[in-house]
Amino acid sequence: SSHVEHWRLVAQKLETYSDLLGMDRIMACSDSGFPVAPRDGLPDVVYAKLQSMVKGAATLADSPNKKVVKLQQMQQMAQFPKAEDCDRTTALLMGRTVNHQDDPLGPLECYGYNLTYTAMGPMKGHALQRHSNVEIFVPLDSPFDFACGSGGWQVRVDAGDLIAVPSGVTSYKNLGGSLGRVLSILPGRPTMEDGKEPGIGTNDSNDRLVKKHDSGQPLHLDLGQGWLEIDWLHLKRGEQTQLDKAETVAVVISGAVSCGEALQALDVVQQPSFFSAAADSLILLIK
């Protein structure tokens, strides 16, 4: 028919079935094909029906607090040329950058930690810096070298893995042959579950600093007045998953997913309620 159902009606019908069968067992679709015979206005009606169906389905599954920041939309901060091998740019996502406390807050609602992308060319990086708190780094598209002070530990971290760097003096460098980006998560002063900061002391094993994206072991930090957990979500093409209602930020490291709108690698979404993978995908979850 030429009747276009309102998207709220679509959502209401889907909600009825999801209550009976579960969200993962229903799919919004047309109940039959569309006629192929020429008819005035038919393409407009078909697209209007599909648009209403998509909006109703996305509204049902989506979180009202979701916020997406695409890579090309990120607020770009000024370059910080410290030295010849340390040129870089930083995109602030949440909180404030450590050295620029007077700058505006990032576009995402603050959950009690700073979240930034830092980009640099091949063999470029960050000169020695001192932080009073533990800081977590996640290389996104290139391997990075991390070092502690002068003569301390040094470790390579591959794309998608993370390193929890203890308070002190550290530096890092992009080991890839093209532009490399690293995600930085700077919370308050956390401790590990055993009450110690991760990797304290230069004699600790580098394995304790680094967690692999395929290890099945999330990083959990006790912040005193709260906690921070970082984990990975692996999705095969066509796979779907629902997320809990914890305060979550998700970073698409590789692949392509939908959370009510399409996301590509290096896009960020705050408070997603579900993911559907259009390709094999790796997603970093920060709770």
Protein backbone atom coordinates (compact mmCIF):
# COMPACT_ATOMS: atom_id res chain seq x y z
CA SER A 1 0.00 0.00 0.00
CA SER A 2 0.97 3.64 -0.20
CA HIS A 3 0.47 4.07 3.54
CA VAL A 4 3.66 4.95 5.45
CA GLU A 5 3.60 3.82 9.08
CA HIS A 6 4.87 6.30 11.65
CA TRP A 7 8.25 5.32 13.09
CA ARG A 8 6.80 5.31 16.61
CA LEU A 9 4.28 2.67 15.52
CA VAL A 10 7.13 0.62 14.06
CA ALA A 11 9.00 0.87 17.38
CA GLN A 12 5.88 -0.09 19.33
CA LYS A 13 5.32 -3.24 17.23
CA LEU A 14 8.96 -4.27 17.50
CA GLU A 15 8.94 -3.69 21.26
CA THR A 16 5.96 -6.04 21.62
CA TYR A 17 7.84 -8.84 19.86
CA SER A 18 11.11 -8.12 21.67
CA ASP A 19 9.35 -8.47 25.03
CA LEU A 20 8.18 -11.93 23.96
CA LEU A 21 11.24 -13.20 22.08
CA GLY A 22 14.21 -11.02 23.06
CA MET A 23 15.89 -8.21 21.15
CA ASP A 24 18.42 -10.54 19.53
CA ARG A 25 15.67 -12.63 17.90
CA ILE A 26 13.77 -9.99 15.97
CA MET A 27 14.50 -8.08 12.78
CA ALA A 28 12.74 -5.13 11.17
CA CYS A 29 11.91 -5.78 7.52
CA SER A 30 9.13 -5.50 4.96
CA ASP A 31 6.54 -8.31 4.98
CA SER A 32 6.79 -8.69 1.19
CA GLY A 33 8.56 -7.23 -1.81
CA PHE A 34 7.71 -3.92 -3.38
CA PRO A 35 5.96 -3.83 -6.79
CA VAL A 36 8.23 -3.39 -9.78
CA ALA A 37 5.59 -1.99 -12.15
CA PRO A 38 6.01 1.75 -12.80
CA ARG A 39 3.75 3.86 -10.63
CA ASP A 40 3.77 7.58 -9.90
CA GLY A 41 5.44 8.36 -6.61
CA LEU A 42 6.37 4.74 -5.89
CA PRO A 43 10.10 5.31 -5.22
CA ASP A 44 9.28 8.07 -2.74
CA VAL A 45 6.82 5.81 -0.91
CA VAL A 46 9.28 2.91 -0.78
CA TYR A 47 12.07 5.06 0.64
CA ALA A 48 9.71 6.69 3.13
CA LYS A 49 8.61 3.25 4.37
CA LEU A 50 12.21 2.09 4.75
CA GLN A 51 13.22 5.33 6.47
CA SER A 52 10.39 4.98 8.99
CA MET A 53 11.29 1.35 9.61
CA VAL A 54 14.97 2.12 10.23
CA LYS A 55 14.22 5.05 12.55
CA GLY A 56 11.69 3.05 14.56
CA ALA A 57 14.08 0.09 14.96
CA ALA A 58 17.04 2.30 15.89
CA THR A 59 14.94 4.24 18.42
CA LEU A 60 13.88 1.04 20.15
CA ALA A 61 17.40 -0.30 20.51
CA ASP A 62 19.27 2.95 20.93
CA SER A 63 20.30 4.70 24.12
CA PRO A 64 18.83 8.18 24.65
CA ASN A 65 22.20 9.31 26.07
CA LYS A 66 24.30 8.14 23.12
CA LYS A 67 26.74 10.61 21.61
CA VAL A 68 28.99 9.94 18.61
CA VAL A 69 32.22 11.71 17.68
CA LYS A 70 33.50 10.82 14.22
CA LEU A 71 37.22 10.99 13.53
CA GLN A 72 36.81 13.87 11.09
CA GLN A 73 34.63 15.76 13.56
CA MET A 74 37.00 15.70 16.49
CA GLN A 75 38.05 18.95 18.02
CA GLN A 76 41.61 19.47 16.87
CA MET A 77 44.01 20.97 19.35
CA ALA A 78 47.11 22.97 18.36
CA GLN A 79 50.36 21.22 17.47
CA PHE A 80 52.92 20.92 20.24
CA PRO A 81 56.39 21.06 18.64
CA LYS A 82 58.64 20.10 21.56
CA ALA A 83 61.53 18.71 19.57
CA GLU A 84 62.34 17.49 16.08
CA ASP A 85 61.18 13.93 16.81
CA CYS A 86 58.17 14.86 18.99
CA ASP A 87 55.80 16.85 16.72
CA ARG A 88 52.21 15.77 17.22
CA THR A 89 48.59 16.91 17.32
CA THR A 90 46.03 16.08 20.00
CA ALA A 91 42.25 15.75 19.68
CA LEU A 92 40.47 16.10 23.00
CA LEU A 93 37.43 13.85 23.50
CA MET A 94 36.68 14.05 27.23
CA GLY A 95 37.82 16.22 30.12
CA ARG A 96 40.76 18.59 29.62
CA THR A 97 44.31 18.11 28.39
CA VAL A 98 46.82 18.10 31.22
CA ASN A 99 48.88 21.04 29.94
CA HIS A 100 45.91 23.15 28.79
CA GLN A 101 43.51 23.28 31.74
CA ASP A 102 41.93 26.54 30.50
CA ASP A 103 40.81 25.02 27.18
CA PRO A 104 37.13 24.06 26.72
CA LEU A 105 36.01 20.61 27.81
CA GLY A 106 35.93 17.80 25.27
CA PRO A 107 32.68 17.05 23.40
CA LEU A 108 31.83 13.94 25.46
CA GLU A 109 30.23 14.12 28.90
CA CYS A 110 32.98 13.69 31.48
CA TYR A 111 33.01 10.39 33.38
CA GLY A 112 35.91 11.33 35.65
CA TYR A 113 38.86 10.81 33.33
CA ASN A 114 40.55 12.57 30.42
CA LEU A 115 40.39 10.94 26.99
CA THR A 116 42.50 12.11 24.04
CA TYR A 117 43.73 11.01 20.62
CA THR A 118 47.32 11.95 19.81
CA ALA A 119 48.57 11.64 16.23
CA MET A 120 52.16 11.72 15.00
CA GLY A 121 54.19 10.74 11.96
CA PRO A 122 56.64 7.83 11.63
CA MET A 123 59.29 7.75 14.36
CA LYS A 124 57.72 10.82 15.99
CA GLY A 125 56.43 10.79 19.52
CA HIS A 126 56.13 12.39 22.92
CA ALA A 127 59.22 13.57 24.77
CA LEU A 128 59.77 12.70 28.41
CA GLN A 129 56.76 13.72 30.49
CA ARG A 130 55.90 13.39 34.18
CA HIS A 131 52.45 12.40 35.43
CA SER A 132 51.53 11.96 39.08
CA ASN A 133 48.89 9.31 38.17
CA VAL A 134 48.88 6.08 36.25
CA GLU A 135 48.08 6.64 32.55
CA ILE A 136 46.73 4.10 30.05
CA PHE A 137 47.77 4.20 26.39
CA VAL A 138 46.19 2.26 23.50
CA PRO A 139 47.96 2.42 20.11
CA LEU A 140 45.19 2.48 17.52
CA ASP A 141 46.77 1.92 14.10
CA SER A 142 50.55 1.53 14.57
CA PRO A 143 52.93 -0.13 17.03
CA PHE A 144 54.43 2.24 19.62
CA ASP A 145 57.55 2.12 21.78
CA PHE A 146 57.14 3.17 25.43
CA ALA A 147 60.02 3.90 27.79
CA CYS A 148 60.35 4.83 31.45
CA GLY A 149 62.83 7.60 32.24
CA SER A 150 66.46 7.05 31.41
CA GLY A 151 67.69 3.47 31.67
CA GLY A 152 64.32 2.13 32.87
CA TRP A 153 62.00 -0.36 31.21
CA GLN A 154 61.22 -0.17 27.49
CA VAL A 155 58.46 -2.08 25.71
CA ARG A 156 56.74 -2.25 22.31
CA VAL A 157 52.94 -2.15 22.28
CA ASP A 158 51.08 -3.28 19.15
CA ALA A 159 47.95 -1.66 17.74
CA GLY A 160 44.86 -2.55 19.76
CA ASP A 161 46.79 -3.55 22.90
CA LEU A 162 47.16 -1.34 25.97
CA ILE A 163 49.85 -0.35 28.41
CA ALA A 164 49.20 0.92 31.94
CA VAL A 165 52.11 3.27 32.67
CA PRO A 166 52.79 4.01 36.35
CA SER A 167 53.26 7.53 37.64
CA GLY A 168 56.66 8.94 36.81
CA VAL A 169 58.60 10.00 33.74
CA THR A 170 57.72 8.30 30.44
CA SER A 171 58.01 8.82 26.69
CA TYR A 172 56.64 7.11 23.59
CA LYS A 173 57.24 6.95 19.84
CA ASN A 174 55.37 5.76 16.75
CA LEU A 175 57.24 2.77 15.28
CA GLY A 176 55.01 2.51 12.18
CA GLY A 177 55.79 3.70 8.67
CA SER A 178 52.84 6.11 8.46
CA LEU A 179 50.69 8.36 10.64
CA GLY A 180 50.11 6.70 14.01
CA ARG A 181 47.48 7.47 16.65
CA VAL A 182 47.42 6.57 20.30
CA LEU A 183 44.51 6.84 22.73
CA SER A 184 45.36 8.22 26.17
CA ILE A 185 43.20 7.61 29.25
CA LEU A 186 44.17 9.62 32.32
CA PRO A 187 42.02 8.92 35.41
CA GLY A 188 42.47 10.01 39.00
CA ARG A 189 44.99 8.19 41.16
CA PRO A 190 44.05 4.52 40.75
CA THR A 191 45.50 1.30 42.09
CA MET A 192 45.37 -2.24 40.78
CA GLU A 193 43.06 -4.78 42.39
CA ASP A 194 45.91 -5.90 44.64
CA GLY A 195 46.31 -2.33 45.93
CA LYS A 196 49.47 -1.53 43.97
CA GLU A 197 50.01 0.68 40.99
CA PRO A 198 50.65 -1.29 37.79
CA GLY A 199 54.29 -1.84 36.95
CA ILE A 200 55.82 0.08 39.86
CA GLY A 201 59.59 -0.24 39.81
CA THR A 202 61.97 -0.76 36.92
CA ASN A 203 62.46 -4.44 37.70
CA ASP A 204 58.83 -5.41 37.16
CA SER A 205 58.04 -7.56 34.16
CA ASN A 206 56.87 -5.70 31.06
CA ASP A 207 54.11 -8.33 30.78
CA ARG A 208 52.51 -6.70 33.81
CA LEU A 209 52.41 -3.35 32.06
CA VAL A 210 50.87 -4.57 28.79
CA LYS A 211 47.54 -6.28 28.14
CA LYS A 212 46.82 -7.85 24.75
CA HIS A 213 43.50 -7.26 23.01
CA ASP A 214 43.08 -11.01 22.52
CA SER A 215 44.09 -12.02 26.07
CA GLY A 216 40.54 -12.12 27.43
CA GLN A 217 41.78 -10.17 30.46
CA PRO A 218 40.36 -6.68 31.06
CA LEU A 219 42.24 -4.01 32.97
CA HIS A 220 40.49 -3.07 36.23
CA LEU A 221 41.52 -0.02 38.26
CA ASP A 222 40.16 0.88 41.69
CA LEU A 223 39.81 4.66 41.89
CA GLY A 224 38.80 4.89 45.53
CA GLN A 225 35.48 6.62 44.83
CA GLY A 226 34.81 4.48 41.77
CA TRP A 227 36.43 2.13 39.29
CA LEU A 228 37.61 2.00 35.69
CA GLU A 229 37.54 -1.10 33.50
CA ILE A 230 38.98 -1.39 30.00
CA ASP A 231 38.11 -4.39 27.86
CA TRP A 232 37.81 -5.40 24.21
CA LEU A 233 34.81 -6.51 22.18
CA HIS A 234 35.45 -8.78 19.19
CA LEU A 235 32.60 -8.99 16.67
CA LYS A 236 32.36 -11.09 13.53
CA ARG A 237 30.59 -9.73 10.46
CA GLY A 238 26.83 -9.90 11.03
CA GLU A 239 27.19 -10.41 14.78
CA GLN A 240 25.17 -8.28 17.18
CA THR A 241 25.52 -7.62 20.89
CA GLN A 242 23.77 -5.58 23.55
CA LEU A 243 25.67 -3.58 26.16
CA ASP A 244 24.87 -2.95 29.80
CA LYS A 245 23.94 0.45 31.18
CA ALA A 246 27.30 1.24 32.76
CA GLU A 247 28.89 4.57 31.84
CA THR A 248 30.65 3.32 28.71
CA VAL A 249 32.77 4.88 25.99
CA ALA A 250 33.51 2.68 22.96
CA VAL A 251 36.31 3.24 20.46
CA VAL A 252 36.21 1.39 17.14
CA ILE A 253 39.78 0.23 16.62
CA SER A 254 39.15 -1.66 13.38
CA GLY A 255 36.23 -2.76 11.22
CA ALA A 256 32.80 -1.19 10.80
CA VAL A 257 29.81 -1.33 13.15
CA SER A 258 26.43 0.28 13.67
CA CYS A 259 25.00 1.56 16.93
CA GLY A 260 22.01 3.24 15.31
CA GLU A 261 24.41 5.01 12.95
CA ALA A 262 27.42 3.73 11.04
CA LEU A 263 30.84 3.88 12.70
CA GLN A 264 34.24 3.30 11.12
CA ALA A 265 37.70 2.79 12.58
CA LEU A 266 38.72 5.45 15.12
CA ASP A 267 35.17 6.73 15.64
CA VAL A 268 34.01 7.05 19.25
CA VAL A 269 30.56 6.58 20.80
CA GLN A 270 29.50 7.36 24.36
CA GLN A 271 26.79 5.30 26.05
CA PRO A 272 25.95 2.87 23.19
CA SER A 273 23.26 0.28 23.89
CA PHE A 274 24.09 -2.18 21.09
CA PHE A 275 26.49 -2.92 18.24
CA SER A 276 25.88 -4.65 14.93
CA ALA A 277 29.00 -5.48 12.92
CA ALA A 278 29.14 -4.82 9.17
CA ALA A 279 32.66 -6.33 9.13
CA ASP A 280 34.95 -8.16 11.51
CA SER A 281 35.53 -5.50 14.15
CA LEU A 282 37.56 -4.76 17.28
CA ILE A 283 36.09 -2.29 19.79
CA LEU A 284 37.68 -0.92 22.93
CA LEU A 285 35.23 -0.55 25.83
CA ILE A 286 35.99 1.91 28.64
CA LYS A 287 33.60 1.60 31.59
